[in-house]
């Protein structure tokens, strides 16, 4: 499929993020805070939860990060892994990588807006019904505006939000030291629980928490010296993410020892037990801010996908329009935000289980592209190469494939039923748009 040129507005200057700003953007997308793992403690056990966060990254996000680092330095282009897949396997699979990723953002972006509003309603119980929807849509609108202004503004907002999240989390960890009287690894697993619940569900959640390290490749053209700064950012973000999940969880378990009481949003309860009501309030606010931070970076990474696909002739050339002042794909941003707003009517709890199918599918295509491009494009200059030669490449590809299979098998019934169906919509969309372009 022939490339299409952007309209004249595409000549607007593109703002670029430096290393520090990009680290905060990547961290806010992949992690943002420790929130979300609480249910893993009760389903898998405190010991197994902590082990997951020490071991799982070596079989999931670290190999994916190595792939992302190599391919971003070889092809630092807008659209990132979508264009890697297209170069490796052709138009069909390239389209699927882009389409699945963009569709996944509809579920994810709207979910974060709804979850923020859910937290806000704890403090303002009158935020219900249409008021709840209005707050969620307003947040989407504000974040869309921030993204229209460019990656530098996104980075400044991410830095501020992550600082607000980090302060109460750090305070809880420090204040918990005086209360350490329990072994956080005991028990290793919950007694008398089904094996599938202990290992399968916890593993699936762990993969969810450590996903997304290749996603920011979509904005490679908006990063200063991406061949150098993308691998450097990953080198900072991956260990920081591991520490973000492991340290607060271990500190709270060592101080309280009440692993049976953990539930969704439990970090707020733990903070209150350790530091008093003021810290519990601060931790609840940090959790709410986490969803703003993730939404901010989600809009950044996902909206470059329809822009890149439109440049390649798959979608309407209208989506290639850049803002005359900020150089951002403002049409793609606004259309994506409008779709998020439509989905924000729902809590989307079940739809998140479908999202993981879309995310895993794109991650699998990304890691397979590394293998294929080593075979058919050995001439590509790679400022960073996955270490340890062929064995290192095999590790970076095979480990995520195994983890992906386990995670999909461990999906809940809703995900197993509708996840494959949503994936099958990708080929239908490809043939529809190909016929439309060819007409």
Protein backbone atom coordinates (compact mmCIF):
# COMPACT_ATOMS: atom_id res chain seq x y z
CA UNK A 1 0.00 0.00 0.00
CA UNK A 2 1.50 3.28 -1.05
CA UNK A 3 2.40 5.91 1.46
CA UNK A 4 0.40 9.09 1.49
CA UNK A 5 1.93 12.42 2.30
CA UNK A 6 0.67 14.53 5.12
CA UNK A 7 -0.95 17.83 4.30
CA UNK A 8 0.91 21.08 4.52
CA UNK A 9 0.33 21.47 8.21
CA UNK A 10 2.60 18.48 8.79
CA UNK A 11 5.53 20.84 8.27
CA UNK A 12 4.85 22.43 11.66
CA UNK A 13 7.81 22.06 14.02
CA UNK A 14 7.63 19.05 16.32
CA UNK A 15 8.42 19.62 19.97
CA UNK A 16 10.83 17.02 21.38
CA UNK A 17 11.30 15.65 24.88
CA UNK A 18 14.66 15.26 26.57
CA UNK A 19 15.73 12.16 28.46
CA UNK A 20 14.44 13.12 31.92
CA UNK A 21 11.05 14.19 30.62
CA UNK A 22 10.74 11.04 28.52
CA UNK A 23 11.62 8.86 31.54
CA UNK A 24 8.66 10.34 33.43
CA UNK A 25 6.37 9.89 30.42
CA UNK A 26 7.40 6.24 30.00
CA UNK A 27 7.17 5.53 33.72
CA UNK A 28 3.72 7.13 33.94
CA UNK A 29 2.52 4.88 31.10
CA UNK A 30 4.00 1.60 32.29
CA UNK A 31 3.64 1.97 36.07
CA UNK A 32 2.70 5.38 37.50
CA UNK A 33 2.34 3.95 41.02
CA UNK A 34 1.97 0.74 43.06
CA UNK A 35 -1.82 0.71 42.77
CA UNK A 36 -3.51 -2.22 41.08
CA UNK A 37 -1.64 -5.17 42.59
CA UNK A 38 -3.55 -5.36 45.88
CA UNK A 39 -5.80 -8.26 44.85
CA UNK A 40 -2.70 -10.25 43.87
CA UNK A 41 -1.72 -10.49 47.56
CA UNK A 42 -4.90 -12.33 48.54
CA UNK A 43 -5.20 -14.49 45.41
CA UNK A 44 -1.56 -15.57 45.08
CA UNK A 45 -0.34 -15.01 48.63
CA UNK A 46 2.10 -12.40 49.95
CA UNK A 47 5.22 -14.47 49.32
CA UNK A 48 4.27 -15.41 45.77
CA UNK A 49 3.27 -11.81 45.01
CA UNK A 50 6.67 -10.50 46.05
CA UNK A 51 8.43 -13.26 44.13
CA UNK A 52 6.40 -12.40 41.02
CA UNK A 53 7.64 -8.81 41.20
CA UNK A 54 11.24 -9.93 41.57
CA UNK A 55 11.21 -12.64 38.88
CA UNK A 56 8.45 -11.95 36.37
CA UNK A 57 10.11 -8.88 34.78
CA UNK A 58 13.00 -11.08 33.61
CA UNK A 59 10.56 -13.10 31.52
CA UNK A 60 8.27 -10.32 30.37
CA UNK A 61 9.07 -6.62 30.47
CA UNK A 62 12.88 -6.90 30.38
CA UNK A 63 13.02 -8.98 27.17
CA UNK A 64 10.33 -6.77 25.60
CA UNK A 65 12.36 -3.71 26.61
CA UNK A 66 15.46 -5.16 24.94
CA UNK A 67 13.45 -5.65 21.74
CA UNK A 68 12.05 -2.12 21.96
CA UNK A 69 15.52 -0.66 22.52
CA UNK A 70 17.03 -2.45 19.52
CA UNK A 71 14.22 -1.71 17.09
CA UNK A 72 13.77 1.90 18.18
CA UNK A 73 17.44 2.57 17.53
CA UNK A 74 17.15 0.81 14.15
CA UNK A 75 13.85 2.47 13.12
CA UNK A 76 13.21 5.61 15.22
CA UNK A 77 9.98 6.47 13.41
CA UNK A 78 6.52 7.69 14.31
CA UNK A 79 4.29 4.66 14.85
CA UNK A 80 7.06 2.59 16.42
CA UNK A 81 6.19 -1.10 16.71
CA UNK A 82 3.43 -0.78 14.09
CA UNK A 83 6.04 0.13 11.48
CA UNK A 84 8.48 -2.48 12.79
CA UNK A 85 5.83 -5.13 12.22
CA UNK A 86 5.00 -3.79 8.79
CA UNK A 87 8.67 -3.83 7.77
CA UNK A 88 9.09 -7.36 9.13
CA UNK A 89 5.91 -9.09 7.98
CA UNK A 90 4.20 -6.84 5.44
CA UNK A 91 1.06 -4.72 5.22
CA UNK A 92 -1.43 -7.19 6.71
CA UNK A 93 0.35 -7.85 9.99
CA UNK A 94 1.49 -4.24 10.22
CA UNK A 95 -2.10 -3.09 9.96
CA UNK A 96 -3.19 -5.53 12.65
CA UNK A 97 -0.50 -4.27 15.04
CA UNK A 98 -1.67 -0.69 14.58
CA UNK A 99 -5.39 -1.43 14.57
CA UNK A 100 -5.32 -3.68 17.63
CA UNK A 101 -3.30 -1.11 19.54
CA UNK A 102 -5.58 1.79 18.67
CA UNK A 103 -8.70 -0.20 19.55
CA UNK A 104 -7.14 -1.26 22.85
CA UNK A 105 -6.65 2.39 23.75
CA UNK A 106 -10.41 2.98 23.48
CA UNK A 107 -10.95 0.55 26.34
CA UNK A 108 -7.97 1.67 28.38
CA UNK A 109 -8.28 5.44 28.03
CA UNK A 110 -11.94 5.55 28.95
CA UNK A 111 -11.40 3.12 31.84
CA UNK A 112 -8.80 5.38 33.45
CA UNK A 113 -11.11 8.40 33.20
CA UNK A 114 -13.91 6.41 34.83
CA UNK A 115 -11.63 5.04 37.57
CA UNK A 116 -10.42 8.55 38.43
CA UNK A 117 -14.03 9.68 38.74
CA UNK A 118 -14.81 6.66 40.92
CA UNK A 119 -12.07 7.73 43.34
CA UNK A 120 -13.30 11.32 43.27
CA UNK A 121 -16.79 10.15 44.20
CA UNK A 122 -15.40 8.84 47.51
CA UNK A 123 -14.84 12.48 48.52
CA UNK A 124 -17.87 13.88 46.69
CA UNK A 125 -20.66 11.26 46.86
CA UNK A 126 -23.01 13.42 44.79
CA UNK A 127 -20.90 12.67 41.67
CA UNK A 128 -23.20 10.05 40.19
CA UNK A 129 -25.09 9.42 36.95
CA UNK A 130 -24.65 12.17 34.36
CA UNK A 131 -22.38 14.11 36.75
CA UNK A 132 -20.03 11.11 36.94
CA UNK A 133 -19.98 10.95 33.14
CA UNK A 134 -19.41 14.70 32.84
CA UNK A 135 -16.38 14.58 35.15
CA UNK A 136 -14.88 11.65 33.21
CA UNK A 137 -15.41 13.39 29.86
CA UNK A 138 -14.02 16.66 31.24
CA UNK A 139 -10.85 14.88 32.33
CA UNK A 140 -10.50 13.34 28.85
CA UNK A 141 -10.90 16.81 27.34
CA UNK A 142 -8.24 18.34 29.59
CA UNK A 143 -5.75 15.56 28.87
CA UNK A 144 -6.47 15.83 25.13
CA UNK A 145 -5.62 19.55 25.32
CA UNK A 146 -2.37 18.79 27.17
CA UNK A 147 -1.43 16.32 24.43
CA UNK A 148 -2.27 18.73 21.63
CA UNK A 149 0.34 21.06 23.12
CA UNK A 150 3.00 18.38 22.59
CA UNK A 151 5.26 15.90 24.31
CA UNK A 152 7.11 18.56 26.31
CA UNK A 153 3.88 19.62 27.99
CA UNK A 154 2.92 15.97 28.47
CA UNK A 155 6.30 15.39 30.10
CA UNK A 156 5.94 18.37 32.46
CA UNK A 157 2.49 17.19 33.55
CA UNK A 158 3.77 13.61 33.99
CA UNK A 159 6.66 14.86 36.15
CA UNK A 160 4.32 16.86 38.39
CA UNK A 161 1.78 14.04 38.73
CA UNK A 162 4.40 11.39 39.48
CA UNK A 163 5.93 13.61 42.17
CA UNK A 164 2.50 13.92 43.82
CA UNK A 165 2.10 10.14 43.65
CA UNK A 166 5.59 9.37 44.95
CA UNK A 167 5.45 11.53 48.10
CA UNK A 168 2.73 9.64 50.07
CA UNK A 169 4.05 6.27 48.88
CA UNK A 170 7.54 7.14 50.12
CA UNK A 171 6.12 8.48 53.39
CA UNK A 172 4.26 5.21 54.00
CA UNK A 173 7.40 3.16 53.34
CA UNK A 174 9.54 5.27 55.70
CA UNK A 175 6.93 5.34 58.48
CA UNK A 176 6.38 1.58 58.22
CA UNK A 177 9.96 0.76 59.29
CA UNK A 178 9.19 1.19 62.99
CA UNK A 179 6.38 -1.38 62.65
CA UNK A 180 8.24 -4.18 60.87
CA UNK A 181 7.38 -7.28 62.91
CA UNK A 182 6.21 -9.71 60.20
CA UNK A 183 7.89 -11.73 57.47
CA UNK A 184 6.31 -10.33 54.26
CA UNK A 185 6.98 -13.60 52.40
CA UNK A 186 4.84 -15.69 54.80
CA UNK A 187 2.74 -17.47 53.80
CA UNK A 188 4.14 -18.14 50.37
CA UNK A 189 0.71 -19.00 48.95
CA UNK A 190 -2.79 -18.95 50.49
CA UNK A 191 -3.63 -22.26 52.18
CA UNK A 192 -6.30 -24.49 50.65
CA UNK A 193 -6.68 -22.46 47.45
CA UNK A 194 -6.97 -23.89 43.90
CA UNK A 195 -3.66 -23.98 42.04
CA UNK A 196 -5.11 -22.02 39.13
CA UNK A 197 -6.18 -19.16 41.38
CA UNK A 198 -2.81 -19.03 43.11
CA UNK A 199 -0.63 -19.11 40.01
CA UNK A 200 -2.76 -18.36 36.94
CA UNK A 201 -4.71 -15.33 38.11
CA UNK A 202 -1.71 -13.79 39.87
CA UNK A 203 0.50 -14.31 36.85
CA UNK A 204 -2.03 -12.72 34.50
CA UNK A 205 -2.23 -9.67 36.77
CA UNK A 206 1.55 -9.49 36.93
CA UNK A 207 1.81 -9.47 33.14
CA UNK A 208 -0.77 -6.69 33.07
CA UNK A 209 1.24 -4.62 35.53
CA UNK A 210 4.49 -5.02 33.57
CA UNK A 211 3.07 -4.39 30.10
CA UNK A 212 3.65 -1.48 27.75
CA UNK A 213 7.41 -1.02 27.57
CA UNK A 214 7.36 -1.02 23.76
CA UNK A 215 4.39 1.33 23.47
CA UNK A 216 6.24 4.64 23.68
CA UNK A 217 8.18 3.67 20.55
CA UNK A 218 5.22 5.26 18.74
CA UNK A 219 6.58 8.73 19.62
CA UNK A 220 10.23 8.08 18.73
CA UNK A 221 10.31 11.09 16.40
CA UNK A 222 9.29 13.33 19.31
CA UNK A 223 12.23 12.31 21.52
CA UNK A 224 15.64 13.96 21.36
CA UNK A 225 18.23 11.49 20.02
CA UNK A 226 15.91 8.47 20.27
CA UNK A 227 18.70 6.05 19.35
CA UNK A 228 20.41 6.98 22.62
CA UNK A 229 17.59 8.14 24.86
CA UNK A 230 15.06 5.33 24.33
CA UNK A 231 17.41 2.59 25.64
CA UNK A 232 18.52 4.91 28.45
CA UNK A 233 14.92 5.58 29.44
CA UNK A 234 14.19 1.86 29.54
CA UNK A 235 17.28 1.30 31.69
CA UNK A 236 15.81 3.71 34.25
CA UNK A 237 12.15 2.79 34.03
CA UNK A 238 12.30 -1.03 34.28
CA UNK A 239 14.10 -1.22 37.67
CA UNK A 240 12.10 1.77 38.92
CA UNK A 241 8.88 -0.06 38.06
CA UNK A 242 10.03 -3.20 39.87
CA UNK A 243 10.88 -1.14 42.97
CA UNK A 244 7.55 0.71 42.77
CA UNK A 245 5.60 -2.54 43.08
CA UNK A 246 7.90 -4.49 45.39
CA UNK A 247 8.99 -1.97 48.04
CA UNK A 248 5.62 -0.52 49.18
CA UNK A 249 4.04 -3.98 49.16
CA UNK A 250 6.86 -5.50 51.22
CA UNK A 251 6.85 -2.56 53.65
CA UNK A 252 3.09 -2.72 54.24
CA UNK A 253 3.11 -6.50 54.68
CA UNK A 254 6.08 -6.37 57.06
CA UNK A 255 4.37 -3.69 59.15
CA UNK A 256 0.81 -5.03 59.20
CA UNK A 257 1.01 -8.75 58.37
CA UNK A 258 -2.68 -8.78 57.45
CA UNK A 259 -2.37 -10.15 53.93
CA UNK A 260 -5.89 -11.69 54.10
CA UNK A 261 -7.38 -8.18 54.31
CA UNK A 262 -5.85 -6.88 51.09
CA UNK A 263 -8.33 -5.84 48.42
CA UNK A 264 -8.68 -3.32 45.63
CA UNK A 265 -7.55 0.13 46.89
CA UNK A 266 -5.99 -1.42 50.01
CA UNK A 267 -2.90 0.81 49.90
CA UNK A 268 -5.11 3.64 51.19
CA UNK A 269 -6.13 1.49 54.17
CA UNK A 270 -2.53 0.43 54.77
CA UNK A 271 -1.35 4.04 54.71
CA UNK A 272 -4.01 5.01 57.26
CA UNK A 273 -3.04 2.16 59.58
CA UNK A 274 0.64 3.08 59.33
CA UNK A 275 0.54 6.89 59.29
CA UNK A 276 -2.94 7.95 60.33
CA UNK A 277 -5.93 9.48 58.49
CA UNK A 278 -3.90 12.19 56.80
CA UNK A 279 -1.66 9.62 55.10
CA UNK A 280 -4.64 7.49 54.13
CA UNK A 281 -6.22 10.55 52.50
CA UNK A 282 -2.97 11.41 50.72
CA UNK A 283 -2.62 7.84 49.44
CA UNK A 284 -6.19 7.85 48.12
CA UNK A 285 -5.48 11.09 46.27
CA UNK A 286 -2.27 9.57 44.90
CA UNK A 287 -4.24 6.62 43.55
CA UNK A 288 -6.70 8.98 41.84
CA UNK A 289 -3.83 11.01 40.37
CA UNK A 290 -2.30 7.78 39.07
CA UNK A 291 -5.21 7.36 36.66
CA UNK A 292 -4.73 10.91 35.37
CA UNK A 293 -1.05 10.23 34.82
CA UNK A 294 -1.64 6.98 32.94
CA UNK A 295 -4.39 8.56 30.82
CA UNK A 296 -2.02 11.42 29.95
CA UNK A 297 0.66 9.09 28.58
CA UNK A 298 -1.88 6.69 27.02
CA UNK A 299 -3.23 9.50 24.83
CA UNK A 300 0.34 10.34 23.82
CA UNK A 301 1.33 6.83 22.80
CA UNK A 302 -1.92 5.64 21.21
CA UNK A 303 -2.85 8.66 19.10
CA UNK A 304 0.35 8.43 17.05
CA UNK A 305 -0.92 5.10 15.76
CA UNK A 306 -3.84 6.35 13.60
CA UNK A 307 -1.59 9.21 12.45
CA UNK A 308 1.09 6.78 11.24
CA UNK A 309 -1.47 4.44 9.67
CA UNK A 310 -3.05 7.37 7.83
CA UNK A 311 0.39 8.40 6.55
CA UNK A 312 0.79 4.89 5.15
CA UNK A 313 -2.57 5.07 3.38
CA UNK A 314 -4.66 2.81 5.61
CA UNK A 315 -6.84 5.50 7.18
CA UNK A 316 -8.12 8.89 6.03
CA UNK A 317 -5.42 11.47 5.17
CA UNK A 318 -7.38 13.83 7.43
CA UNK A 319 -5.77 12.06 10.38
CA UNK A 320 -2.30 13.20 9.27
CA UNK A 321 -3.09 16.83 10.06
CA UNK A 322 -0.61 18.42 12.45
CA UNK A 323 -1.30 21.42 14.65
CA UNK A 324 0.20 24.52 13.04
CA UNK A 325 1.73 25.77 16.29
CA UNK A 326 2.60 22.59 18.23
CA UNK A 327 3.22 20.13 15.38
CA UNK A 328 1.10 17.43 17.05
CA UNK A 329 -1.43 15.11 15.32
CA UNK A 330 -4.32 17.09 16.79
CA UNK A 331 -7.06 15.50 14.68
CA UNK A 332 -6.03 11.98 15.73
CA UNK A 333 -5.91 13.16 19.35
CA UNK A 334 -9.37 14.73 19.27
CA UNK A 335 -11.00 11.78 17.49
CA UNK A 336 -9.45 9.34 19.96
CA UNK A 337 -10.61 11.50 22.87
CA UNK A 338 -14.14 11.55 21.44
CA UNK A 339 -14.18 7.74 21.27
CA UNK A 340 -12.86 7.52 24.85
CA UNK A 341 -15.76 9.76 25.89
CA UNK A 342 -18.30 7.41 24.32
CA UNK A 343 -16.94 4.43 26.25
CA UNK A 344 -16.78 6.44 29.49
CA UNK A 345 -20.45 5.62 30.16
CA UNK A 346 -19.35 2.23 31.48
CA UNK A 347 -17.02 0.95 34.20
CA UNK A 348 -15.44 -1.40 31.63
CA UNK A 349 -14.30 -3.89 34.29
CA UNK A 350 -14.95 -6.86 32.02
CA UNK A 351 -13.69 -5.10 28.92
CA UNK A 352 -10.25 -4.76 30.51
CA UNK A 353 -9.98 -8.56 30.28
CA UNK A 354 -10.50 -8.15 26.53
CA UNK A 355 -7.90 -5.38 26.42
CA UNK A 356 -5.18 -7.77 27.60
CA UNK A 357 -5.77 -9.89 24.47
CA UNK A 358 -5.18 -6.86 22.27
CA UNK A 359 -2.11 -5.81 24.24
CA UNK A 360 -0.55 -9.27 24.19
CA UNK A 361 -1.22 -9.61 20.44
CA UNK A 362 0.68 -6.39 19.68
CA UNK A 363 3.53 -7.33 22.07
CA UNK A 364 3.89 -10.72 20.37
CA UNK A 365 4.10 -9.07 16.94
CA UNK A 366 6.71 -6.64 18.27
CA UNK A 367 9.05 -9.32 19.63
CA UNK A 368 8.64 -11.50 16.53
CA UNK A 369 9.56 -8.47 14.42
CA UNK A 370 12.93 -8.32 16.16
CA UNK A 371 13.66 -11.89 15.07
CA UNK A 372 12.40 -11.36 11.53
CA UNK A 373 14.25 -8.08 10.98
CA UNK A 374 17.49 -9.66 12.13
CA UNK A 375 16.94 -12.20 9.30
CA UNK A 376 15.73 -10.04 6.43
CA UNK A 377 17.20 -6.63 7.36
CA UNK A 378 20.66 -7.32 8.79
CA UNK A 379 21.80 -4.10 7.10
CA UNK A 380 19.80 -1.92 9.50
CA UNK A 381 22.13 0.14 11.66
CA UNK A 382 21.36 -0.71 15.28
CA UNK A 383 22.90 1.65 17.82
CA UNK A 384 21.73 -0.83 20.47
CA UNK A 385 21.66 -4.58 19.96
CA UNK A 386 20.16 -7.19 22.25
CA UNK A 387 23.24 -8.62 24.02
CA UNK A 388 24.49 -12.23 24.04
CA UNK A 389 24.07 -12.77 20.29
CA UNK A 390 21.57 -15.32 19.02
CA UNK A 391 20.95 -16.68 22.54
CA UNK A 392 20.06 -13.22 23.78
CA UNK A 393 17.71 -12.67 20.86
CA UNK A 394 16.06 -16.05 21.49
CA UNK A 395 15.57 -15.14 25.15
CA UNK A 396 14.03 -11.77 24.24
CA UNK A 397 11.56 -13.43 21.85
CA UNK A 398 10.73 -16.80 23.43
CA UNK A 399 10.24 -15.69 27.05
CA UNK A 400 7.43 -13.20 26.23
CA UNK A 401 5.79 -15.74 23.90
CA UNK A 402 5.59 -18.31 26.71
CA UNK A 403 4.28 -15.73 29.16
CA UNK A 404 1.70 -14.56 26.63
CA UNK A 405 0.34 -18.06 26.18
CA UNK A 406 0.05 -18.57 29.94
CA UNK A 407 -1.71 -15.22 30.40
CA UNK A 408 -4.28 -15.89 27.69
CA UNK A 409 -5.06 -19.34 29.06
CA UNK A 410 -5.50 -17.75 32.48
CA UNK A 411 -8.03 -15.20 31.20
CA UNK A 412 -11.44 -15.08 32.85
CA UNK A 413 -14.50 -16.43 31.03
CA UNK A 414 -15.42 -13.05 29.58
CA UNK A 415 -11.94 -12.57 28.14
CA UNK A 416 -11.79 -16.10 26.73
CA UNK A 417 -15.14 -15.56 25.05
CA UNK A 418 -14.72 -12.09 23.59
CA UNK A 419 -10.93 -11.64 23.37
CA UNK A 420 -10.52 -13.83 20.25
CA UNK A 421 -13.60 -12.21 18.71
CA UNK A 422 -12.15 -8.72 19.09
CA UNK A 423 -8.88 -9.90 17.53
CA UNK A 424 -10.79 -11.29 14.53
CA UNK A 425 -12.27 -7.86 13.88
CA UNK A 426 -8.74 -6.75 12.88
CA UNK A 427 -8.57 -8.75 9.63
CA UNK A 428 -12.09 -7.59 8.73
CA UNK A 429 -11.02 -3.97 9.23
CA UNK A 430 -7.92 -4.56 7.09
CA UNK A 431 -9.87 -5.86 4.10
CA UNK A 432 -12.44 -3.09 4.48
CA UNK A 433 -9.89 -0.30 4.48
CA UNK A 434 -7.76 -1.92 1.76
CA UNK A 435 -10.77 -2.12 -0.54
CA UNK A 436 -11.67 1.46 0.26
CA UNK A 437 -8.18 2.73 -0.55
CA UNK A 438 -7.97 0.65 -3.73
CA UNK A 439 -11.34 1.95 -4.97
